[in-house]
Amino acid sequence: ANQPDVVPDYDLTPFGADDAGVSRRHALIATDRQPPVIVDLGSSNGTFINGQRLVPDQPHVLHDGDEVRLGRLVMRVSF
C-alpha cells in the first residue's frame, strides 16, 4: 500500500527549510488520493494554503496553483 508523504520526508534543506522554521514532522501530503490533500501535523510554525493557516489534523484539498507555506518556506503546487 502507498504511504502518504510526510514533509519533510522530502529533503527540503537545499531550499532553506531549517532556517524557515519547517518542523521535523510538519505536514502530510497524500498524493495517493485524488484530489491530493495536505494535513498539518501540529507543526509549531503552521502550514498555510494561500495565506490561510490550516487547522492541525484536518485534511485540506490541494489545487493546481495553490501556494503552500510551511513556516516561512513557500512552495507552489503544480500538477
Protein backbone atom coordinates (compact mmCIF):
# COMPACT_ATOMS: atom_id res chain seq x y z
CA ALA A 1 0.00 0.00 0.00
CA ASN A 2 1.17 3.51 -0.76
CA GLN A 3 2.10 5.54 2.30
CA PRO A 4 1.41 9.27 2.22
CA ASP A 5 4.42 11.57 2.20
CA VAL A 6 5.29 13.34 5.43
CA VAL A 7 7.02 16.68 4.88
CA PRO A 8 9.98 16.94 5.41
CA ASP A 9 10.30 13.27 4.42
CA TYR A 10 11.45 15.05 1.30
CA ASP A 11 14.75 16.79 2.00
CA LEU A 12 13.87 20.48 1.92
CA THR A 13 17.25 21.54 3.35
CA PRO A 14 18.52 22.83 -0.04
CA PHE A 15 15.53 25.19 -0.04
CA GLY A 16 16.31 26.66 3.40
CA ALA A 17 13.84 24.55 5.39
CA ASP A 18 15.84 24.64 8.62
CA ASP A 19 16.10 28.43 8.66
CA ALA A 20 12.47 28.80 7.50
CA GLY A 21 11.04 27.04 10.55
CA VAL A 22 9.93 23.77 8.95
CA SER A 23 9.28 21.21 11.71
CA ARG A 24 10.74 17.68 11.64
CA ARG A 25 7.20 16.32 11.07
CA HIS A 26 5.48 19.35 9.63
CA ALA A 27 2.79 18.18 7.23
CA LEU A 28 1.47 15.14 5.45
CA ILE A 29 0.79 15.33 1.72
CA ALA A 30 -1.40 12.48 0.49
CA THR A 31 -0.62 12.28 -3.22
CA ASP A 32 -2.13 8.79 -3.41
CA ARG A 33 -5.60 10.39 -3.12
CA GLN A 34 -7.48 12.23 -5.82
CA PRO A 35 -7.68 15.07 -5.24
CA PRO A 36 -4.46 15.22 -3.20
CA VAL A 37 -4.70 16.62 0.34
CA ILE A 38 -2.34 18.21 2.85
CA VAL A 39 -2.63 17.89 6.64
CA ASP A 40 -0.72 19.98 9.18
CA LEU A 41 0.70 17.60 11.81
CA GLY A 42 0.59 20.10 14.66
CA SER A 43 3.69 21.98 13.49
CA SER A 44 4.92 24.84 15.65
CA ASN A 45 5.10 27.38 12.80
CA GLY A 46 1.99 26.31 10.93
CA THR A 47 1.00 25.23 7.44
CA PHE A 48 -0.72 27.82 5.25
CA ILE A 49 -2.61 27.44 1.97
CA ASN A 50 -2.98 30.68 0.00
CA GLY A 51 -2.30 32.64 3.21
CA GLN A 52 -4.82 30.79 5.39
CA ARG A 53 -3.50 28.73 8.32
CA LEU A 54 -4.67 25.12 8.35
CA VAL A 55 -6.29 23.60 11.41
CA PRO A 56 -3.97 20.79 12.59
CA ASP A 57 -5.04 17.24 11.71
CA GLN A 58 -7.74 18.43 9.26
CA PRO A 59 -7.23 17.42 5.59
CA HIS A 60 -7.26 20.26 3.07
CA VAL A 61 -7.68 19.58 -0.67
CA LEU A 62 -4.79 20.86 -2.80
CA HIS A 63 -5.47 22.58 -6.12
CA ASP A 64 -3.14 23.34 -9.01
CA GLY A 65 -1.57 26.75 -8.38
CA ASP A 66 -2.08 26.75 -4.58
CA GLU A 67 0.61 28.47 -2.54
CA VAL A 68 1.75 26.21 0.33
CA ARG A 69 3.74 27.77 3.17
CA LEU A 70 5.47 25.61 5.77
CA GLY A 71 6.74 28.00 8.41
CA ARG A 72 8.33 30.63 6.15
CA LEU A 73 9.15 28.25 3.27
CA VAL A 74 6.83 28.93 0.32
CA MET A 75 6.07 26.43 -2.46
CA ARG A 76 3.64 26.41 -5.38
CA VAL A 77 1.50 23.32 -6.12
CA SER A 78 1.64 22.15 -9.73
CA PHE A 79 0.02 19.02 -11.16
